[in-house]
Each structure stands twice: as C-alpha cells, then as structure tokens.
Amino acid sequence: MSYISTLLNSKHHKANFTCGKDVLDNYLHTQAKQDVKRKIAACFVLAEDDNNIKGFYTLSSASLNRGDLPPTILKKLPPAYQHLPTTLLGRLAVDIHYKGKGIGALLLIDALKRSYQNSLQIASMAVIVDPLDDEAKQFYKHYGFIELPTSGKMFIPMVQLETLFNI
C-alpha cells in the first residue's frame, strides 16, 4: 500500500519549515530527528523534490484508559482491559506556504491509513489525538474524531477506519 509521506531523514530541510505554531516548528527543528532515532515517535513528512517539507505528522504507540471512553464504545470492548492499545497521532502541521491547499487533510488521511495498516500487525483499537487548540479540535472533529470528555483528547476507532481502508 502506498503513502504520500516518507520517514523524516537527514536530506529533509527541517530549518525551512514553519507552520506558525512555535511548539510544532520547534519540535520539527530540534526534536523530531532524535525521536525517530530513539524510536519514541515516527515522524513522516510530505516533501517537495528539493526536500523542503510541506507538512509532517508523528505516530507512536499509546494506551487509553477504558474509563475515558464513551459508554457506546466501552460496551463493545471486553471488561478485562483497563488500558487499551491505541496509536497516537501526536503532531500534525502544514507549512504556512501550503495552508488552505488540502495538505492537512492529505496528511491526516495518510496517517490514518498508515495507522490502520499497522493495526493489522500490532493491535491498536483507535487513533487518538490531543488537539493543540480549538482550530485543531475543529479540524479533527470535521474528520469524524470523537471527543473524550474526561481528557480533552479525541479519537477515531479502528473499526471506522476499517470501512475506509479495507479495500
């Protein structure tokens, strides 16, 4: 299965990237490469032919406390598990030069597709996000993410992604 993004590497021009949110810019500039090297997070980038980064996202393993889930989801899960395996979409950002061109949506779909495919090998019952601000929260809500009332995080179940990507 093909993806639009590739794993961040030393050929990518991180210093040229700016999305306008310091926490995301600083992450890519100073921490992302170390996170990839240490296997803390996988950082995937969408880059031009000249290796300038249009956007990026990170994925890592995570867990979700069953008490954080809505009852409608909870009733479908076995009660023996207090912590459920998930995939964390930790960061997603688009360079300001590409805002409004659908790059964020492409990166999100790429991340969800990659997460679903990985869940077929390593169990994960959902993709979770922790939106940085209201703008991010609305973005994820638009794509079907559900708010977790106890934590401020949002999630989309893998069974929902299965209907999209299990072709």
C-alpha atoms as a PDB file:
ATOM      1  CA  MET A   1       0.000   0.000   0.000  1.00  0.00           C
ATOM      2  CA  SER A   2       1.480   3.373  -0.968  1.00  0.00           C
ATOM      3  CA  TYR A   3       1.623   6.505   1.156  1.00  0.00           C
ATOM      4  CA  ILE A   4       2.234  10.151   0.327  1.00  0.00           C
ATOM      5  CA  SER A   5       4.708  10.656   3.175  1.00  0.00           C
ATOM      6  CA  THR A   6       8.136   9.312   3.964  1.00  0.00           C
ATOM      7  CA  LEU A   7      10.028   8.922   7.200  1.00  0.00           C
ATOM      8  CA  LEU A   8      11.983  12.031   8.159  1.00  0.00           C
ATOM      9  CA  ASN A   9      15.660  11.756   7.226  1.00  0.00           C
ATOM     10  CA  SER A  10      18.754  13.936   7.085  1.00  0.00           C
ATOM     11  CA  LYS A  11      18.039  15.021   3.485  1.00  0.00           C
ATOM     12  CA  HIS A  12      14.881  16.866   4.509  1.00  0.00           C
ATOM     13  CA  HIS A  13      15.232  20.618   5.090  1.00  0.00           C
ATOM     14  CA  LYS A  14      13.714  20.986   8.559  1.00  0.00           C
ATOM     15  CA  ALA A  15      15.013  24.534   9.149  1.00  0.00           C
ATOM     16  CA  ASN A  16      12.899  25.933   6.293  1.00  0.00           C
ATOM     17  CA  PHE A  17       9.644  24.657   7.820  1.00  0.00           C
ATOM     18  CA  THR A  18       7.295  26.996   9.636  1.00  0.00           C
ATOM     19  CA  CYS A  19       3.634  26.433  10.403  1.00  0.00           C
ATOM     20  CA  GLY A  20       3.205  29.462  12.658  1.00  0.00           C
ATOM     21  CA  LYS A  21       2.903  27.474  15.884  1.00  0.00           C
ATOM     22  CA  ASP A  22       6.174  27.588  17.802  1.00  0.00           C
ATOM     23  CA  VAL A  23       5.663  24.290  19.613  1.00  0.00           C
ATOM     24  CA  LEU A  24       5.280  22.417  16.307  1.00  0.00           C
ATOM     25  CA  ASP A  25       8.040  24.325  14.497  1.00  0.00           C
ATOM     26  CA  ASN A  26      10.472  23.785  17.383  1.00  0.00           C
ATOM     27  CA  TYR A  27       9.602  20.092  17.559  1.00  0.00           C
ATOM     28  CA  LEU A  28      10.485  19.525  13.910  1.00  0.00           C
ATOM     29  CA  HIS A  29      13.608  21.705  14.060  1.00  0.00           C
ATOM     30  CA  THR A  30      15.096  20.316  17.277  1.00  0.00           C
ATOM     31  CA  GLN A  31      13.495  17.083  18.479  1.00  0.00           C
ATOM     32  CA  ALA A  32      11.896  15.059  15.673  1.00  0.00           C
ATOM     33  CA  LYS A  33      15.107  13.509  14.356  1.00  0.00           C
ATOM     34  CA  GLN A  34      16.087  12.313  17.869  1.00  0.00           C
ATOM     35  CA  ASP A  35      12.593  10.910  18.457  1.00  0.00           C
ATOM     36  CA  VAL A  36      12.835   8.905  15.231  1.00  0.00           C
ATOM     37  CA  LYS A  37      16.319   7.671  16.139  1.00  0.00           C
ATOM     38  CA  ARG A  38      15.236   6.650  19.661  1.00  0.00           C
ATOM     39  CA  LYS A  39      12.004   5.032  18.383  1.00  0.00           C
ATOM     40  CA  ILE A  40       9.898   7.370  20.547  1.00  0.00           C
ATOM     41  CA  ALA A  41       7.864   8.644  17.607  1.00  0.00           C
ATOM     42  CA  ALA A  42       7.903   8.092  13.883  1.00  0.00           C
ATOM     43  CA  CYS A  43       7.918  11.409  12.024  1.00  0.00           C
ATOM     44  CA  PHE A  44       6.570  11.306   8.485  1.00  0.00           C
ATOM     45  CA  VAL A  45       6.985  14.216   6.093  1.00  0.00           C
ATOM     46  CA  LEU A  46       5.474  15.321   2.834  1.00  0.00           C
ATOM     47  CA  ALA A  47       8.322  16.965   0.956  1.00  0.00           C
ATOM     48  CA  GLU A  48       8.939  18.571  -2.403  1.00  0.00           C
ATOM     49  CA  ASP A  49      11.566  17.288  -4.837  1.00  0.00           C
ATOM     50  CA  ASP A  50      14.071  19.712  -3.270  1.00  0.00           C
ATOM     51  CA  ASN A  51      13.363  18.143   0.176  1.00  0.00           C
ATOM     52  CA  ASN A  52      11.575  21.219   1.552  1.00  0.00           C
ATOM     53  CA  ILE A  53       8.906  19.964   3.940  1.00  0.00           C
ATOM     54  CA  LYS A  54       5.284  20.843   3.134  1.00  0.00           C
ATOM     55  CA  GLY A  55       3.953  19.154   6.255  1.00  0.00           C
ATOM     56  CA  PHE A  56       4.576  16.419   8.787  1.00  0.00           C
ATOM     57  CA  TYR A  57       2.942  14.175  11.345  1.00  0.00           C
ATOM     58  CA  THR A  58       4.101  11.840  14.099  1.00  0.00           C
ATOM     59  CA  LEU A  59       2.818   8.443  15.162  1.00  0.00           C
ATOM     60  CA  SER A  60       3.624   6.426  18.261  1.00  0.00           C
ATOM     61  CA  SER A  61       2.162   3.684  20.411  1.00  0.00           C
ATOM     62  CA  ALA A  62      -0.065   4.753  23.271  1.00  0.00           C
ATOM     63  CA  SER A  63      -2.795   3.479  25.521  1.00  0.00           C
ATOM     64  CA  LEU A  64      -6.124   4.801  26.639  1.00  0.00           C
ATOM     65  CA  ASN A  65      -7.730   4.223  29.991  1.00  0.00           C
ATOM     66  CA  ARG A  66     -11.030   2.436  29.437  1.00  0.00           C
ATOM     67  CA  GLY A  67     -12.717   4.909  31.790  1.00  0.00           C
ATOM     68  CA  ASP A  68     -12.019   7.687  29.277  1.00  0.00           C
ATOM     69  CA  LEU A  69     -14.140   6.051  26.584  1.00  0.00           C
ATOM     70  CA  PRO A  70     -17.799   6.832  25.950  1.00  0.00           C
ATOM     71  CA  PRO A  71     -20.254   4.083  27.049  1.00  0.00           C
ATOM     72  CA  THR A  72     -21.253   3.341  23.437  1.00  0.00           C
ATOM     73  CA  ILE A  73     -17.680   2.295  22.628  1.00  0.00           C
ATOM     74  CA  LEU A  74     -16.996   0.755  26.020  1.00  0.00           C
ATOM     75  CA  LYS A  75     -19.845  -1.749  25.791  1.00  0.00           C
ATOM     76  CA  LYS A  76     -18.214  -3.302  22.699  1.00  0.00           C
ATOM     77  CA  LEU A  77     -14.909  -3.979  24.493  1.00  0.00           C
ATOM     78  CA  PRO A  78     -14.012  -6.794  26.906  1.00  0.00           C
ATOM     79  CA  PRO A  79     -14.068  -5.623  30.549  1.00  0.00           C
ATOM     80  CA  ALA A  80     -10.737  -7.267  31.412  1.00  0.00           C
ATOM     81  CA  TYR A  81      -8.671  -4.472  29.843  1.00  0.00           C
ATOM     82  CA  GLN A  82      -8.117  -1.312  31.894  1.00  0.00           C
ATOM     83  CA  HIS A  83      -5.722   0.171  29.319  1.00  0.00           C
ATOM     84  CA  LEU A  84      -6.467  -0.262  25.651  1.00  0.00           C
ATOM     85  CA  PRO A  85      -3.840  -0.114  22.898  1.00  0.00           C
ATOM     86  CA  THR A  86      -4.032   2.903  20.608  1.00  0.00           C
ATOM     87  CA  THR A  87      -1.977   4.818  18.097  1.00  0.00           C
ATOM     88  CA  LEU A  88      -1.133   8.409  18.996  1.00  0.00           C
ATOM     89  CA  LEU A  89      -1.162  10.948  16.202  1.00  0.00           C
ATOM     90  CA  GLY A  90       0.984  13.268  18.275  1.00  0.00           C
ATOM     91  CA  ARG A  91       1.628  16.144  15.917  1.00  0.00           C
ATOM     92  CA  LEU A  92       0.377  17.249  12.521  1.00  0.00           C
ATOM     93  CA  ALA A  93       1.460  20.508  10.900  1.00  0.00           C
ATOM     94  CA  VAL A  94       1.477  22.173   7.492  1.00  0.00           C
ATOM     95  CA  ASP A  95       3.987  24.811   6.366  1.00  0.00           C
ATOM     96  CA  ILE A  96       2.364  28.249   6.092  1.00  0.00           C
ATOM     97  CA  HIS A  97       3.150  28.367   2.362  1.00  0.00           C
ATOM     98  CA  TYR A  98       0.813  25.395   1.828  1.00  0.00           C
ATOM     99  CA  LYS A  99      -2.075  26.312   4.155  1.00  0.00           C
ATOM    100  CA  GLY A 100      -5.502  26.094   2.572  1.00  0.00           C
ATOM    101  CA  LYS A 101      -4.359  23.678  -0.143  1.00  0.00           C
ATOM    102  CA  GLY A 102      -5.633  20.453   1.429  1.00  0.00           C
ATOM    103  CA  ILE A 103      -2.226  19.291   2.669  1.00  0.00           C
ATOM    104  CA  GLY A 104      -3.503  18.872   6.253  1.00  0.00           C
ATOM    105  CA  ALA A 105      -6.312  16.603   5.071  1.00  0.00           C
ATOM    106  CA  LEU A 106      -3.896  14.588   2.911  1.00  0.00           C
ATOM    107  CA  LEU A 107      -1.516  14.153   5.839  1.00  0.00           C
ATOM    108  CA  LEU A 108      -4.344  13.125   8.149  1.00  0.00           C
ATOM    109  CA  ILE A 109      -5.631  10.528   5.689  1.00  0.00           C
ATOM    110  CA  ASP A 110      -2.071   9.279   5.199  1.00  0.00           C
ATOM    111  CA  ALA A 111      -1.602   8.985   8.981  1.00  0.00           C
ATOM    112  CA  LEU A 112      -4.925   7.207   9.457  1.00  0.00           C
ATOM    113  CA  LYS A 113      -4.225   4.807   6.597  1.00  0.00           C
ATOM    114  CA  ARG A 114      -0.773   4.023   7.992  1.00  0.00           C
ATOM    115  CA  SER A 115      -2.235   3.567  11.486  1.00  0.00           C
ATOM    116  CA  TYR A 116      -4.936   1.221  10.227  1.00  0.00           C
ATOM    117  CA  GLN A 117      -2.460  -0.862   8.229  1.00  0.00           C
ATOM    118  CA  ASN A 118      -0.169  -1.130  11.259  1.00  0.00           C
ATOM    119  CA  SER A 119      -3.100  -2.174  13.457  1.00  0.00           C
ATOM    120  CA  LEU A 120      -3.406  -5.306  11.351  1.00  0.00           C
ATOM    121  CA  GLN A 121       0.034  -6.344  12.632  1.00  0.00           C
ATOM    122  CA  ILE A 122       0.227  -4.687  16.054  1.00  0.00           C
ATOM    123  CA  ALA A 123      -3.059  -4.250  17.915  1.00  0.00           C
ATOM    124  CA  SER A 124      -4.500  -0.753  18.200  1.00  0.00           C
ATOM    125  CA  MET A 125      -8.197  -0.105  18.744  1.00  0.00           C
ATOM    126  CA  ALA A 126      -8.171   3.610  17.867  1.00  0.00           C
ATOM    127  CA  VAL A 127      -6.149   6.612  16.784  1.00  0.00           C
ATOM    128  CA  ILE A 128      -6.022   9.312  19.446  1.00  0.00           C
ATOM    129  CA  VAL A 129      -5.068  12.968  19.212  1.00  0.00           C
ATOM    130  CA  ASP A 130      -4.599  15.683  21.798  1.00  0.00           C
ATOM    131  CA  PRO A 131      -5.561  18.851  19.897  1.00  0.00           C
ATOM    132  CA  LEU A 132      -3.259  21.809  20.460  1.00  0.00           C
ATOM    133  CA  ASP A 133      -6.052  24.389  20.217  1.00  0.00           C
ATOM    134  CA  ASP A 134      -9.644  24.954  19.071  1.00  0.00           C
ATOM    135  CA  GLU A 135      -8.605  25.169  15.429  1.00  0.00           C
ATOM    136  CA  ALA A 136      -7.056  21.692  15.660  1.00  0.00           C
ATOM    137  CA  LYS A 137     -10.060  20.370  17.563  1.00  0.00           C
ATOM    138  CA  GLN A 138     -12.413  21.546  14.793  1.00  0.00           C
ATOM    139  CA  PHE A 139     -10.141  20.019  12.140  1.00  0.00           C
ATOM    140  CA  TYR A 140     -10.241  16.590  13.778  1.00  0.00           C
ATOM    141  CA  LYS A 141     -13.958  16.845  14.524  1.00  0.00           C
ATOM    142  CA  HIS A 142     -14.579  17.523  10.824  1.00  0.00           C
ATOM    143  CA  TYR A 143     -12.959  14.167  10.022  1.00  0.00           C
ATOM    144  CA  GLY A 144     -15.018  12.142  12.493  1.00  0.00           C
ATOM    145  CA  PHE A 145     -12.903  12.217  15.645  1.00  0.00           C
ATOM    146  CA  ILE A 146     -14.908  11.898  18.861  1.00  0.00           C
ATOM    147  CA  GLU A 147     -14.158  13.974  21.950  1.00  0.00           C
ATOM    148  CA  LEU A 148     -13.198  12.210  25.164  1.00  0.00           C
ATOM    149  CA  PRO A 149     -14.886  14.298  27.846  1.00  0.00           C
ATOM    150  CA  THR A 150     -12.513  13.385  30.688  1.00  0.00           C
ATOM    151  CA  SER A 151      -9.215  14.239  28.985  1.00  0.00           C
ATOM    152  CA  GLY A 152      -9.743  16.725  26.161  1.00  0.00           C
ATOM    153  CA  LYS A 153      -8.318  14.161  23.752  1.00  0.00           C
ATOM    154  CA  MET A 154     -10.147  12.896  20.689  1.00  0.00           C
ATOM    155  CA  PHE A 155     -10.218   9.517  18.997  1.00  0.00           C
ATOM    156  CA  ILE A 156     -11.411   7.624  15.959  1.00  0.00           C
ATOM    157  CA  PRO A 157     -11.983   3.861  16.302  1.00  0.00           C
ATOM    158  CA  MET A 158     -10.080   1.475  14.019  1.00  0.00           C
ATOM    159  CA  VAL A 159     -13.364  -0.204  13.083  1.00  0.00           C
ATOM    160  CA  GLN A 160     -14.368   3.111  11.496  1.00  0.00           C
ATOM    161  CA  LEU A 161     -11.057   3.266   9.621  1.00  0.00           C
ATOM    162  CA  GLU A 162     -11.531  -0.326   8.507  1.00  0.00           C
ATOM    163  CA  THR A 163     -14.571   0.704   6.477  1.00  0.00           C
ATOM    164  CA  LEU A 164     -12.438   3.359   4.762  1.00  0.00           C
ATOM    165  CA  PHE A 165      -9.230   1.453   4.080  1.00  0.00           C
ATOM    166  CA  ASN A 166     -10.097  -2.246   3.947  1.00  0.00           C
ATOM    167  CA  ILE A 167     -10.487  -2.370   0.194  1.00  0.00           C
END
